[in-house]
N, C-alpha and C. Protein backbone atom coordinates (compact mmCIF):
# COMPACT_ATOMS: atom_id res chain seq x y z
N MET A 1 0.84 -1.18 0.00
CA MET A 1 0.00 0.00 0.00
C MET A 1 0.88 1.25 0.00
N SER A 2 0.55 2.21 -0.82
CA SER A 2 1.37 3.41 -0.91
C SER A 2 1.00 4.40 0.20
N PHE A 3 1.92 5.27 0.48
CA PHE A 3 1.72 6.30 1.49
C PHE A 3 0.60 7.24 1.05
N GLN A 4 -0.23 7.67 1.97
CA GLN A 4 -1.35 8.55 1.68
C GLN A 4 -1.04 9.99 2.09
N PHE A 5 -0.76 10.83 1.12
CA PHE A 5 -0.56 12.25 1.37
C PHE A 5 -1.92 12.92 1.55
N ASN A 6 -1.93 14.03 2.28
CA ASN A 6 -3.16 14.77 2.46
C ASN A 6 -3.01 16.13 1.79
N SER A 7 -3.88 16.42 0.83
CA SER A 7 -3.77 17.65 0.05
C SER A 7 -4.06 18.90 0.88
N ARG A 8 -4.65 18.75 2.05
CA ARG A 8 -4.90 19.94 2.88
C ARG A 8 -3.59 20.57 3.35
N PHE A 9 -2.49 19.82 3.23
CA PHE A 9 -1.17 20.34 3.62
C PHE A 9 -0.37 20.89 2.44
N ASP A 10 -1.03 21.07 1.29
CA ASP A 10 -0.32 21.58 0.11
C ASP A 10 0.09 23.05 0.28
N CYS A 11 -0.61 23.76 1.13
CA CYS A 11 -0.27 25.16 1.41
C CYS A 11 -0.51 25.40 2.89
N LEU A 12 0.54 25.84 3.58
CA LEU A 12 0.46 26.13 5.01
C LEU A 12 0.86 27.57 5.22
N GLY A 13 0.27 28.21 6.21
CA GLY A 13 0.63 29.59 6.44
C GLY A 13 0.46 30.02 7.87
N GLY A 14 1.19 31.07 8.23
CA GLY A 14 1.10 31.66 9.55
C GLY A 14 2.36 32.43 9.87
N GLY A 15 2.23 33.42 10.71
CA GLY A 15 3.40 34.18 11.15
C GLY A 15 4.13 34.89 10.02
N GLY A 16 3.38 35.30 8.98
CA GLY A 16 4.02 35.99 7.86
C GLY A 16 4.66 35.07 6.84
N LEU A 17 4.57 33.75 7.06
CA LEU A 17 5.16 32.78 6.12
C LEU A 17 4.07 31.97 5.44
N THR A 18 4.39 31.53 4.23
CA THR A 18 3.58 30.56 3.50
C THR A 18 4.51 29.43 3.06
N LEU A 19 4.06 28.21 3.25
CA LEU A 19 4.77 27.05 2.71
C LEU A 19 3.92 26.52 1.56
N ARG A 20 4.51 26.47 0.37
CA ARG A 20 3.80 25.99 -0.83
C ARG A 20 4.45 24.69 -1.29
N ILE A 21 3.63 23.67 -1.44
CA ILE A 21 4.16 22.34 -1.79
C ILE A 21 4.92 22.41 -3.11
N ARG A 22 6.06 21.77 -3.09
CA ARG A 22 6.93 21.69 -4.26
C ARG A 22 6.96 20.26 -4.79
N GLU A 23 6.94 19.32 -3.86
CA GLU A 23 7.04 17.90 -4.23
C GLU A 23 6.50 17.05 -3.09
N LYS A 24 5.93 15.91 -3.46
CA LYS A 24 5.57 14.86 -2.50
C LYS A 24 6.21 13.58 -3.03
N ALA A 25 6.91 12.88 -2.17
CA ALA A 25 7.57 11.65 -2.61
C ALA A 25 7.26 10.54 -1.63
N GLU A 26 6.97 9.35 -2.16
CA GLU A 26 6.57 8.22 -1.34
C GLU A 26 7.70 7.57 -0.57
N GLY A 27 8.94 7.85 -0.92
CA GLY A 27 10.04 7.17 -0.25
C GLY A 27 10.31 5.82 -0.87
N ASP A 28 11.36 5.18 -0.37
CA ASP A 28 11.79 3.93 -0.99
C ASP A 28 12.32 2.90 0.01
N GLY A 29 12.00 3.05 1.27
CA GLY A 29 12.54 2.14 2.28
C GLY A 29 13.73 2.73 3.00
N VAL A 30 14.57 3.47 2.28
CA VAL A 30 15.67 4.21 2.90
C VAL A 30 15.19 5.64 3.14
N LEU A 31 14.74 6.29 2.08
CA LEU A 31 14.16 7.63 2.21
C LEU A 31 12.70 7.48 2.63
N LEU A 32 12.31 8.24 3.65
CA LEU A 32 10.94 8.21 4.11
C LEU A 32 10.06 9.04 3.18
N PRO A 33 8.74 8.77 3.17
CA PRO A 33 7.85 9.66 2.42
C PRO A 33 8.00 11.09 2.95
N PHE A 34 7.91 12.07 2.03
CA PHE A 34 8.08 13.44 2.50
C PHE A 34 7.26 14.43 1.69
N TYR A 35 6.94 15.53 2.37
CA TYR A 35 6.38 16.73 1.77
C TYR A 35 7.55 17.72 1.68
N TYR A 36 7.68 18.39 0.54
CA TYR A 36 8.78 19.33 0.32
C TYR A 36 8.17 20.66 -0.13
N TYR A 37 8.51 21.73 0.57
CA TYR A 37 7.88 23.03 0.37
C TYR A 37 8.88 24.12 0.01
N ASP A 38 8.37 25.12 -0.71
CA ASP A 38 9.04 26.40 -0.82
C ASP A 38 8.58 27.23 0.37
N ILE A 39 9.51 27.97 0.99
CA ILE A 39 9.18 28.89 2.07
C ILE A 39 9.08 30.28 1.45
N LEU A 40 7.95 30.94 1.66
CA LEU A 40 7.72 32.28 1.13
C LEU A 40 7.46 33.23 2.30
N ALA A 41 8.15 34.35 2.31
CA ALA A 41 7.92 35.40 3.31
C ALA A 41 7.28 36.57 2.57
N ASP A 42 6.03 36.84 2.89
CA ASP A 42 5.29 37.91 2.19
C ASP A 42 5.40 37.75 0.67
N GLY A 43 5.31 36.50 0.21
CA GLY A 43 5.33 36.19 -1.22
C GLY A 43 6.70 36.02 -1.84
N THR A 44 7.76 36.35 -1.10
CA THR A 44 9.12 36.23 -1.62
C THR A 44 9.72 34.88 -1.24
N PRO A 45 10.21 34.10 -2.21
CA PRO A 45 10.86 32.82 -1.86
C PRO A 45 12.12 33.07 -1.02
N VAL A 46 12.19 32.42 0.14
CA VAL A 46 13.34 32.60 1.04
C VAL A 46 14.06 31.29 1.36
N GLY A 47 13.48 30.15 0.99
CA GLY A 47 14.13 28.88 1.28
C GLY A 47 13.22 27.71 1.00
N LYS A 48 13.58 26.56 1.59
CA LYS A 48 12.84 25.31 1.39
C LYS A 48 12.83 24.53 2.69
N ILE A 49 11.81 23.68 2.84
CA ILE A 49 11.71 22.83 4.02
C ILE A 49 11.03 21.53 3.63
N SER A 50 11.43 20.44 4.27
CA SER A 50 10.75 19.16 4.06
C SER A 50 10.41 18.56 5.41
N ILE A 51 9.33 17.80 5.42
CA ILE A 51 8.95 17.01 6.60
C ILE A 51 8.85 15.57 6.14
N ARG A 52 9.63 14.72 6.79
CA ARG A 52 9.68 13.30 6.44
C ARG A 52 8.80 12.53 7.42
N ILE A 53 7.98 11.63 6.89
CA ILE A 53 6.97 10.93 7.68
C ILE A 53 7.38 9.48 7.87
N GLY A 54 7.40 9.05 9.12
CA GLY A 54 7.74 7.67 9.44
C GLY A 54 9.00 7.62 10.27
N ASP A 55 9.57 6.45 10.36
CA ASP A 55 10.77 6.27 11.16
C ASP A 55 11.56 5.10 10.60
N ASN A 56 12.86 5.24 10.59
CA ASN A 56 13.76 4.14 10.26
C ASN A 56 15.16 4.51 10.75
N PHE A 57 16.10 3.64 10.55
CA PHE A 57 17.48 3.85 10.98
C PHE A 57 18.03 5.19 10.49
N HIS A 58 17.79 5.51 9.24
CA HIS A 58 18.36 6.71 8.63
C HIS A 58 17.75 7.99 9.19
N ALA A 59 16.49 7.95 9.62
CA ALA A 59 15.82 9.14 10.15
C ALA A 59 16.53 9.69 11.38
N TYR A 60 17.15 8.82 12.16
CA TYR A 60 17.84 9.27 13.37
C TYR A 60 18.97 10.24 13.01
N TYR A 61 19.68 9.97 11.94
CA TYR A 61 20.82 10.80 11.52
C TYR A 61 20.42 11.89 10.53
N ASN A 62 19.39 11.63 9.74
CA ASN A 62 18.93 12.57 8.72
C ASN A 62 17.95 13.58 9.29
N GLY A 63 17.24 13.20 10.33
CA GLY A 63 16.21 14.04 10.91
C GLY A 63 14.91 13.94 10.14
N HIS A 64 13.83 14.34 10.78
CA HIS A 64 12.52 14.32 10.14
C HIS A 64 12.20 15.62 9.42
N ILE A 65 12.92 16.68 9.77
CA ILE A 65 12.72 17.97 9.11
C ILE A 65 14.06 18.42 8.54
N GLY A 66 14.02 18.85 7.31
CA GLY A 66 15.21 19.43 6.69
C GLY A 66 14.85 20.80 6.15
N TYR A 67 15.69 21.79 6.39
CA TYR A 67 15.38 23.13 5.91
C TYR A 67 16.65 23.83 5.45
N GLU A 68 16.44 24.80 4.59
CA GLU A 68 17.53 25.68 4.16
C GLU A 68 16.91 27.04 3.87
N VAL A 69 17.54 28.06 4.39
CA VAL A 69 17.12 29.43 4.13
C VAL A 69 18.23 30.08 3.31
N ASP A 70 17.84 30.72 2.22
CA ASP A 70 18.83 31.37 1.35
C ASP A 70 19.65 32.37 2.17
N PRO A 71 20.96 32.45 1.89
CA PRO A 71 21.85 33.27 2.72
C PRO A 71 21.37 34.70 2.97
N GLU A 72 20.81 35.34 1.96
CA GLU A 72 20.40 36.74 2.14
C GLU A 72 19.17 36.90 3.04
N PHE A 73 18.52 35.78 3.39
CA PHE A 73 17.32 35.84 4.24
C PHE A 73 17.54 35.20 5.61
N GLN A 74 18.75 34.76 5.90
CA GLN A 74 19.03 34.12 7.18
C GLN A 74 19.00 35.15 8.31
N GLY A 75 18.70 34.66 9.51
CA GLY A 75 18.71 35.52 10.69
C GLY A 75 17.38 36.19 10.99
N HIS A 76 16.31 35.79 10.30
CA HIS A 76 15.00 36.39 10.52
C HIS A 76 14.00 35.42 11.16
N GLY A 77 14.45 34.23 11.56
CA GLY A 77 13.57 33.26 12.19
C GLY A 77 12.71 32.47 11.23
N TYR A 78 13.00 32.54 9.93
CA TYR A 78 12.16 31.84 8.96
C TYR A 78 12.22 30.32 9.14
N ALA A 79 13.39 29.78 9.43
CA ALA A 79 13.51 28.32 9.60
C ALA A 79 12.66 27.85 10.77
N ARG A 80 12.75 28.52 11.90
CA ARG A 80 11.96 28.12 13.07
C ARG A 80 10.46 28.20 12.78
N ARG A 81 10.03 29.29 12.18
CA ARG A 81 8.59 29.45 11.90
C ARG A 81 8.11 28.42 10.88
N ALA A 82 8.94 28.12 9.88
CA ALA A 82 8.57 27.10 8.90
C ALA A 82 8.48 25.73 9.58
N CYS A 83 9.42 25.44 10.47
CA CYS A 83 9.37 24.17 11.22
C CYS A 83 8.08 24.08 12.01
N GLU A 84 7.70 25.15 12.67
CA GLU A 84 6.46 25.15 13.45
C GLU A 84 5.26 24.82 12.57
N LEU A 85 5.26 25.33 11.34
CA LEU A 85 4.14 25.07 10.44
C LEU A 85 4.04 23.61 10.03
N VAL A 86 5.17 22.92 9.84
CA VAL A 86 5.09 21.52 9.39
C VAL A 86 4.83 20.54 10.55
N LEU A 87 4.86 21.01 11.77
CA LEU A 87 4.58 20.11 12.90
C LEU A 87 3.16 19.54 12.83
N ASP A 88 2.21 20.33 12.30
CA ASP A 88 0.85 19.81 12.16
C ASP A 88 0.78 18.66 11.15
N VAL A 89 1.63 18.70 10.14
CA VAL A 89 1.69 17.60 9.17
C VAL A 89 2.14 16.32 9.89
N ALA A 90 3.17 16.44 10.70
CA ALA A 90 3.67 15.28 11.46
C ALA A 90 2.58 14.75 12.39
N ARG A 91 1.92 15.65 13.12
CA ARG A 91 0.86 15.22 14.05
C ARG A 91 -0.26 14.50 13.31
N PHE A 92 -0.67 15.03 12.16
CA PHE A 92 -1.73 14.41 11.36
C PHE A 92 -1.38 12.97 11.02
N HIS A 93 -0.11 12.73 10.72
CA HIS A 93 0.34 11.39 10.32
C HIS A 93 0.70 10.53 11.53
N GLY A 94 0.38 10.99 12.73
CA GLY A 94 0.54 10.17 13.92
C GLY A 94 1.93 10.16 14.53
N ILE A 95 2.77 11.08 14.13
CA ILE A 95 4.12 11.12 14.69
C ILE A 95 4.08 11.76 16.07
N LYS A 96 4.69 11.09 17.01
CA LYS A 96 4.74 11.59 18.39
C LYS A 96 6.11 12.17 18.75
N ARG A 97 7.12 11.82 17.96
CA ARG A 97 8.49 12.24 18.24
C ARG A 97 9.22 12.45 16.94
N LEU A 98 9.93 13.59 16.85
CA LEU A 98 10.74 13.90 15.68
C LEU A 98 12.20 13.96 16.08
N TYR A 99 13.07 13.52 15.17
CA TYR A 99 14.50 13.78 15.31
C TYR A 99 14.84 14.95 14.42
N LEU A 100 15.62 15.86 14.96
CA LEU A 100 16.12 17.02 14.22
C LEU A 100 17.63 16.98 14.36
N THR A 101 18.33 17.17 13.25
CA THR A 101 19.78 17.01 13.28
C THR A 101 20.46 18.17 12.56
N CYS A 102 21.72 18.38 12.94
CA CYS A 102 22.55 19.36 12.23
C CYS A 102 24.01 19.05 12.54
N GLY A 103 24.89 19.61 11.75
CA GLY A 103 26.30 19.46 12.02
C GLY A 103 26.65 20.07 13.38
N GLU A 104 27.64 19.48 14.03
CA GLU A 104 28.02 19.92 15.37
C GLU A 104 28.33 21.41 15.44
N ASP A 105 28.92 21.95 14.39
CA ASP A 105 29.34 23.36 14.42
C ASP A 105 28.36 24.31 13.74
N ASN A 106 27.13 23.84 13.45
CA ASN A 106 26.13 24.68 12.80
C ASN A 106 25.31 25.41 13.87
N ALA A 107 25.89 26.48 14.41
CA ALA A 107 25.27 27.22 15.51
C ALA A 107 23.87 27.75 15.17
N PRO A 108 23.64 28.31 13.97
CA PRO A 108 22.28 28.80 13.67
C PRO A 108 21.23 27.69 13.73
N SER A 109 21.55 26.50 13.18
CA SER A 109 20.58 25.40 13.24
C SER A 109 20.41 24.90 14.67
N CYS A 110 21.48 24.87 15.44
CA CYS A 110 21.35 24.49 16.86
C CYS A 110 20.36 25.41 17.55
N ARG A 111 20.50 26.71 17.35
CA ARG A 111 19.58 27.67 17.97
C ARG A 111 18.14 27.46 17.49
N THR A 112 17.97 27.24 16.20
CA THR A 112 16.63 27.01 15.66
C THR A 112 16.00 25.80 16.32
N ILE A 113 16.71 24.71 16.38
CA ILE A 113 16.18 23.47 16.94
C ILE A 113 15.89 23.64 18.43
N GLU A 114 16.78 24.29 19.14
CA GLU A 114 16.58 24.49 20.58
C GLU A 114 15.40 25.42 20.84
N ARG A 115 15.19 26.43 20.02
CA ARG A 115 14.04 27.33 20.17
C ARG A 115 12.73 26.62 19.87
N LEU A 116 12.79 25.58 19.05
CA LEU A 116 11.60 24.76 18.79
C LEU A 116 11.26 23.86 19.98
N GLY A 117 12.23 23.67 20.86
CA GLY A 117 12.02 22.78 22.00
C GLY A 117 12.75 21.46 21.87
N GLY A 118 13.64 21.35 20.88
CA GLY A 118 14.42 20.12 20.71
C GLY A 118 15.35 19.89 21.89
N ARG A 119 15.43 18.65 22.31
CA ARG A 119 16.30 18.24 23.42
C ARG A 119 17.48 17.46 22.85
N LEU A 120 18.69 17.93 23.14
CA LEU A 120 19.89 17.28 22.62
C LEU A 120 20.03 15.87 23.20
N LEU A 121 20.08 14.88 22.31
CA LEU A 121 20.27 13.49 22.73
C LEU A 121 21.75 13.14 22.75
N GLU A 122 22.45 13.54 21.69
CA GLU A 122 23.88 13.22 21.60
C GLU A 122 24.53 13.98 20.46
N ILE A 123 25.86 14.02 20.53
CA ILE A 123 26.69 14.49 19.44
C ILE A 123 27.52 13.29 19.03
N CYS A 124 27.41 12.88 17.77
CA CYS A 124 28.00 11.61 17.38
C CYS A 124 28.50 11.63 15.93
N GLU A 125 29.31 10.65 15.63
CA GLU A 125 29.69 10.37 14.24
C GLU A 125 28.56 9.57 13.61
N ALA A 126 28.15 9.95 12.42
CA ALA A 126 27.16 9.15 11.70
C ALA A 126 27.84 7.87 11.22
N PRO A 127 27.16 6.74 11.32
CA PRO A 127 27.77 5.48 10.86
C PRO A 127 27.84 5.40 9.34
N ARG A 128 28.76 4.61 8.86
CA ARG A 128 28.93 4.44 7.41
C ARG A 128 27.67 3.87 6.76
N GLU A 129 26.84 3.18 7.52
CA GLU A 129 25.61 2.59 6.97
C GLU A 129 24.54 3.64 6.68
N TYR A 130 24.70 4.83 7.26
CA TYR A 130 23.75 5.91 7.01
C TYR A 130 23.85 6.32 5.55
N PHE A 131 22.72 6.44 4.86
CA PHE A 131 22.73 6.63 3.41
C PHE A 131 23.45 7.91 2.97
N ALA A 132 23.50 8.94 3.81
CA ALA A 132 24.12 10.20 3.41
C ALA A 132 25.53 10.36 3.97
N TRP A 133 26.09 9.29 4.53
CA TRP A 133 27.45 9.36 5.09
C TRP A 133 28.46 9.67 3.99
N TYR A 134 29.45 10.47 4.35
CA TYR A 134 30.57 10.72 3.43
C TYR A 134 31.84 10.93 4.25
N GLU A 135 32.96 10.68 3.63
CA GLU A 135 34.26 10.86 4.28
C GLU A 135 34.40 12.32 4.72
N GLY A 136 34.78 12.53 5.96
CA GLY A 136 34.95 13.88 6.48
C GLY A 136 33.67 14.53 6.98
N MET A 137 32.60 13.76 7.02
CA MET A 137 31.32 14.29 7.49
C MET A 137 31.47 14.80 8.92
N PRO A 138 30.95 15.99 9.22
CA PRO A 138 31.07 16.50 10.60
C PRO A 138 30.24 15.66 11.57
N ARG A 139 30.64 15.72 12.82
CA ARG A 139 29.84 15.08 13.85
C ARG A 139 28.46 15.71 13.85
N GLN A 140 27.45 14.90 14.17
CA GLN A 140 26.06 15.33 14.11
C GLN A 140 25.49 15.56 15.50
N ARG A 141 24.75 16.65 15.64
CA ARG A 141 23.97 16.90 16.85
C ARG A 141 22.59 16.30 16.59
N ILE A 142 22.18 15.37 17.45
CA ILE A 142 20.90 14.70 17.32
C ILE A 142 19.98 15.22 18.43
N TYR A 143 18.86 15.80 18.02
CA TYR A 143 17.86 16.33 18.94
C TYR A 143 16.59 15.53 18.82
N GLN A 144 15.81 15.52 19.88
CA GLN A 144 14.48 14.93 19.85
C GLN A 144 13.47 16.02 20.21
N LEU A 145 12.39 16.06 19.45
CA LEU A 145 11.30 16.98 19.71
C LEU A 145 10.04 16.15 19.91
N ASP A 146 9.51 16.19 21.11
CA ASP A 146 8.28 15.44 21.40
C ASP A 146 7.08 16.29 21.00
N LEU A 147 6.16 15.66 20.29
CA LEU A 147 4.95 16.36 19.89
C LEU A 147 3.88 15.99 20.86
C-alpha cells in the first residue's frame, strides 16, 4: 500500500510565512515519504523545508525535518517558523516524536532546533551505513522533539 498524502497540507501559512508544496515523494525504504515546500515570506521565496513521515534507521541521523534558508534571508527566524508550520503535518500522520539534526558546528541550526524545544540526545559520528554518510562528514547533533 502506498503512502497517503493529504492535500490539505499543500499550502500552510502563519506568522508571515507561506509554505507551498513543491514535491511529494513516497520514499523507498531508505528515504521516508516526504512533503517538500518552498518557504515564502510575504510572497518572496526565502528557502525550502521538508517534513519526512515515518521512522527508520536513517531518520535518526537525517532528521525528520530538513530546511535551508537562502543566505540573504538568514537571521529572521524563517527556519523556526517554517518548522512550526510543518509540525501539524507530522501530528496528522501520527508522529509523536521527531528527530532534528545538524552538524556539530552549525550554531544557527542548533539555535533554531533548541528554540523549537528540541532536546539534545547526543553528538556523534554518523555510521557508514547511514545513506548520506561521506568521508569527512562532521559530527552530528541529534535532537528529539516530542509532539
